[in-house]
């Protein structure tokens, strides 16, 4: 079976590669932002006070693995600072 390869100006060029990298980065940042919002919403729904320093640390984080860990911890934490406890 033949594989279709687009042959338009810019195809397989540095421009296309840069665009694809930017798009992937944007998707990752969007996922991180969504996880951060979920963490904050869970803490708020549970009535847990969120100091500005904690809110900033959560919203500034772009590591999805870390955010998933914090999301899991947000379900049982008594204080917002408990999200950051090292195991």
N, C-alpha and C. Protein backbone atom coordinates (compact mmCIF):
# COMPACT_ATOMS: atom_id res chain seq x y z
N UNK A 1 0.85 -1.17 0.00
CA UNK A 1 0.00 0.00 0.00
C UNK A 1 0.90 1.24 0.00
N UNK A 2 0.55 2.21 -0.80
CA UNK A 2 1.34 3.44 -0.93
C UNK A 2 1.08 4.36 0.25
N UNK A 3 2.10 5.08 0.65
CA UNK A 3 1.98 6.06 1.72
C UNK A 3 1.98 7.44 1.12
N UNK A 4 1.01 8.25 1.50
CA UNK A 4 0.91 9.61 0.98
C UNK A 4 1.87 10.51 1.75
N UNK A 5 2.70 11.22 1.04
CA UNK A 5 3.62 12.19 1.63
C UNK A 5 3.33 13.55 1.03
N UNK A 6 2.88 14.50 1.84
CA UNK A 6 2.58 15.82 1.29
C UNK A 6 3.85 16.45 0.74
N UNK A 7 3.70 17.17 -0.35
CA UNK A 7 4.85 17.79 -0.99
C UNK A 7 4.53 19.26 -1.24
N UNK A 8 4.23 19.98 -0.21
CA UNK A 8 3.94 21.41 -0.33
C UNK A 8 5.12 22.20 0.19
N UNK A 9 5.21 23.47 -0.18
CA UNK A 9 6.34 24.28 0.30
C UNK A 9 6.40 24.28 1.83
N UNK A 10 7.55 24.00 2.36
CA UNK A 10 7.72 23.97 3.81
C UNK A 10 7.63 22.58 4.39
N UNK A 11 7.15 21.62 3.60
CA UNK A 11 7.03 20.25 4.08
C UNK A 11 8.42 19.69 4.38
N UNK A 12 8.54 19.03 5.53
CA UNK A 12 9.81 18.44 5.98
C UNK A 12 10.92 19.48 6.11
N UNK A 13 10.56 20.67 6.47
CA UNK A 13 11.55 21.74 6.61
C UNK A 13 11.66 22.14 8.08
N UNK A 14 12.59 23.01 8.34
CA UNK A 14 12.78 23.52 9.71
C UNK A 14 11.54 24.29 10.16
N UNK A 15 10.85 24.92 9.23
CA UNK A 15 9.63 25.65 9.57
C UNK A 15 8.56 24.69 10.07
N UNK A 16 8.38 23.59 9.33
CA UNK A 16 7.39 22.59 9.73
C UNK A 16 7.78 21.95 11.06
N UNK A 17 9.04 21.62 11.23
CA UNK A 17 9.50 21.02 12.48
C UNK A 17 9.26 21.96 13.65
N UNK A 18 9.56 23.23 13.46
CA UNK A 18 9.35 24.22 14.53
C UNK A 18 7.88 24.34 14.86
N UNK A 19 7.04 24.33 13.84
CA UNK A 19 5.60 24.44 14.07
C UNK A 19 5.10 23.23 14.86
N UNK A 20 5.54 22.04 14.45
CA UNK A 20 5.11 20.82 15.14
C UNK A 20 5.60 20.79 16.59
N UNK A 21 6.84 21.24 16.83
CA UNK A 21 7.36 21.30 18.20
C UNK A 21 6.57 22.28 19.04
N UNK A 22 6.24 23.42 18.47
CA UNK A 22 5.45 24.42 19.19
C UNK A 22 4.06 23.90 19.51
N UNK A 23 3.48 23.17 18.57
CA UNK A 23 2.15 22.61 18.79
C UNK A 23 2.19 21.58 19.91
N UNK A 24 3.19 20.70 19.89
CA UNK A 24 3.33 19.69 20.94
C UNK A 24 3.56 20.34 22.29
N UNK A 25 4.38 21.38 22.31
CA UNK A 25 4.65 22.10 23.56
C UNK A 25 3.37 22.72 24.09
N UNK A 26 2.59 23.31 23.20
CA UNK A 26 1.32 23.92 23.60
C UNK A 26 0.36 22.92 24.19
N UNK A 27 0.33 21.72 23.61
CA UNK A 27 -0.55 20.68 24.13
C UNK A 27 -0.11 20.24 25.52
N UNK A 28 1.20 20.10 25.72
CA UNK A 28 1.72 19.72 27.03
C UNK A 28 1.41 20.79 28.06
N UNK A 29 1.64 22.05 27.68
CA UNK A 29 1.35 23.15 28.60
C UNK A 29 -0.13 23.19 28.94
N UNK A 30 -0.98 22.92 27.95
CA UNK A 30 -2.42 22.90 28.19
C UNK A 30 -2.81 21.80 29.16
N UNK A 31 -2.19 20.64 29.01
CA UNK A 31 -2.48 19.53 29.93
C UNK A 31 -2.02 19.88 31.33
N UNK A 32 -0.85 20.48 31.46
CA UNK A 32 -0.33 20.87 32.77
C UNK A 32 -1.25 21.90 33.42
N UNK A 33 -1.69 22.86 32.63
CA UNK A 33 -2.58 23.90 33.16
C UNK A 33 -3.89 23.27 33.65
N UNK A 34 -4.40 22.31 32.89
CA UNK A 34 -5.64 21.63 33.28
C UNK A 34 -5.47 20.83 34.57
N UNK A 35 -4.34 20.14 34.71
CA UNK A 35 -4.08 19.38 35.94
C UNK A 35 -3.98 20.32 37.14
N UNK A 36 -3.29 21.44 36.95
CA UNK A 36 -3.15 22.42 38.03
C UNK A 36 -4.53 22.93 38.46
N UNK A 37 -5.37 23.22 37.49
CA UNK A 37 -6.73 23.68 37.80
C UNK A 37 -7.51 22.61 38.55
N UNK A 38 -7.34 21.35 38.16
CA UNK A 38 -8.03 20.25 38.84
C UNK A 38 -7.58 20.14 40.29
N UNK A 39 -6.29 20.25 40.53
CA UNK A 39 -5.75 20.16 41.89
C UNK A 39 -6.36 21.26 42.75
N UNK A 40 -6.33 22.48 42.24
CA UNK A 40 -6.87 23.61 43.01
C UNK A 40 -8.36 23.45 43.26
N UNK A 41 -9.08 22.98 42.27
CA UNK A 41 -10.52 22.79 42.43
C UNK A 41 -10.83 21.73 43.49
N UNK A 42 -10.08 20.65 43.48
CA UNK A 42 -10.30 19.60 44.49
C UNK A 42 -10.04 20.14 45.89
N UNK A 43 -8.92 20.85 46.05
CA UNK A 43 -8.62 21.40 47.37
C UNK A 43 -9.71 22.38 47.82
N UNK A 44 -10.14 23.23 46.89
CA UNK A 44 -11.20 24.19 47.23
C UNK A 44 -12.50 23.49 47.59
N UNK A 45 -12.87 22.47 46.82
CA UNK A 45 -14.10 21.73 47.08
C UNK A 45 -14.06 21.02 48.42
N UNK A 46 -12.87 20.64 48.83
CA UNK A 46 -12.71 19.96 50.12
C UNK A 46 -12.59 20.95 51.28
N UNK A 47 -12.63 22.24 50.96
CA UNK A 47 -12.56 23.27 51.99
C UNK A 47 -11.17 23.50 52.55
N UNK A 48 -10.15 23.15 51.78
CA UNK A 48 -8.77 23.31 52.23
C UNK A 48 -8.26 24.66 51.79
N UNK A 49 -7.73 25.41 52.72
CA UNK A 49 -7.17 26.72 52.43
C UNK A 49 -5.92 26.58 51.56
N UNK A 50 -5.82 27.43 50.55
CA UNK A 50 -4.68 27.36 49.62
C UNK A 50 -3.91 28.67 49.70
N UNK A 51 -2.78 28.66 50.41
CA UNK A 51 -1.96 29.87 50.48
C UNK A 51 -1.47 30.26 49.08
N UNK A 52 -1.19 31.55 48.90
CA UNK A 52 -0.73 32.04 47.61
C UNK A 52 0.53 31.32 47.13
N UNK A 53 1.44 31.01 48.06
CA UNK A 53 2.68 30.33 47.67
C UNK A 53 2.40 28.93 47.11
N UNK A 54 1.43 28.23 47.67
CA UNK A 54 1.06 26.90 47.19
C UNK A 54 0.37 27.02 45.84
N UNK A 55 -0.56 27.97 45.72
CA UNK A 55 -1.27 28.19 44.46
C UNK A 55 -0.27 28.49 43.34
N UNK A 56 0.71 29.33 43.62
CA UNK A 56 1.72 29.70 42.63
C UNK A 56 2.57 28.50 42.23
N UNK A 57 2.97 27.70 43.20
CA UNK A 57 3.80 26.53 42.91
C UNK A 57 3.04 25.54 42.02
N UNK A 58 1.77 25.36 42.30
CA UNK A 58 0.95 24.44 41.50
C UNK A 58 0.78 24.98 40.08
N UNK A 59 0.41 26.24 39.94
CA UNK A 59 0.15 26.79 38.61
C UNK A 59 1.41 26.98 37.79
N UNK A 60 2.56 27.11 38.43
CA UNK A 60 3.83 27.28 37.71
C UNK A 60 4.44 25.96 37.25
N UNK A 61 3.98 24.86 37.80
CA UNK A 61 4.55 23.55 37.48
C UNK A 61 4.13 23.10 36.08
N UNK A 62 5.08 22.60 35.31
CA UNK A 62 4.79 22.10 33.97
C UNK A 62 5.12 20.61 33.82
N UNK A 63 5.55 19.97 34.89
CA UNK A 63 5.91 18.55 34.87
C UNK A 63 4.64 17.73 35.13
N UNK A 64 4.16 17.05 34.10
CA UNK A 64 2.91 16.30 34.23
C UNK A 64 2.98 15.20 35.27
N UNK A 65 4.12 14.54 35.40
CA UNK A 65 4.26 13.48 36.41
C UNK A 65 4.11 14.03 37.82
N UNK A 66 4.72 15.17 38.07
CA UNK A 66 4.62 15.82 39.38
C UNK A 66 3.18 16.24 39.63
N UNK A 67 2.55 16.82 38.63
CA UNK A 67 1.17 17.28 38.79
C UNK A 67 0.22 16.11 39.06
N UNK A 68 0.44 14.96 38.43
CA UNK A 68 -0.39 13.79 38.69
C UNK A 68 -0.21 13.33 40.13
N UNK A 69 1.02 13.36 40.62
CA UNK A 69 1.28 13.00 42.02
C UNK A 69 0.54 13.94 42.94
N UNK A 70 0.64 15.24 42.67
CA UNK A 70 -0.05 16.22 43.51
C UNK A 70 -1.57 16.06 43.42
N UNK A 71 -2.07 15.72 42.24
CA UNK A 71 -3.50 15.50 42.07
C UNK A 71 -3.96 14.34 42.96
N UNK A 72 -3.21 13.25 42.94
CA UNK A 72 -3.53 12.11 43.80
C UNK A 72 -3.52 12.51 45.27
N UNK A 73 -2.52 13.26 45.66
CA UNK A 73 -2.40 13.69 47.06
C UNK A 73 -3.50 14.67 47.46
N UNK A 74 -4.01 15.45 46.49
CA UNK A 74 -5.05 16.43 46.80
C UNK A 74 -6.34 15.76 47.27
N UNK A 75 -6.50 14.50 46.96
CA UNK A 75 -7.71 13.78 47.34
C UNK A 75 -7.74 13.44 48.83
N UNK A 76 -6.58 13.39 49.46
CA UNK A 76 -6.55 12.99 50.87
C UNK A 76 -5.81 13.97 51.78
N UNK A 77 -5.18 14.99 51.22
CA UNK A 77 -4.41 15.94 52.03
C UNK A 77 -5.32 16.69 53.00
N UNK A 78 -4.77 16.97 54.18
CA UNK A 78 -5.49 17.76 55.18
C UNK A 78 -5.11 19.24 55.03
N UNK A 79 -3.87 19.48 54.61
CA UNK A 79 -3.38 20.83 54.36
C UNK A 79 -2.78 20.86 52.96
N UNK A 80 -2.88 21.99 52.28
CA UNK A 80 -2.39 22.11 50.91
C UNK A 80 -0.88 21.82 50.81
N UNK A 81 -0.16 22.18 51.82
CA UNK A 81 1.31 21.97 51.82
C UNK A 81 1.68 20.50 51.76
N UNK A 82 0.77 19.62 52.14
CA UNK A 82 1.04 18.19 52.12
C UNK A 82 1.26 17.64 50.71
N UNK A 83 0.85 18.38 49.70
CA UNK A 83 1.05 17.95 48.33
C UNK A 83 2.53 17.79 48.02
N UNK A 84 3.36 18.59 48.67
CA UNK A 84 4.77 18.68 48.34
C UNK A 84 5.68 17.82 49.22
N UNK A 85 5.11 17.02 50.08
CA UNK A 85 5.89 16.19 50.99
C UNK A 85 6.66 15.15 50.17
N UNK A 86 7.96 15.05 50.42
CA UNK A 86 8.79 14.07 49.74
C UNK A 86 8.56 12.70 50.37
N UNK A 87 8.53 11.70 49.53
CA UNK A 87 8.31 10.34 50.05
C UNK A 87 9.62 9.65 50.30
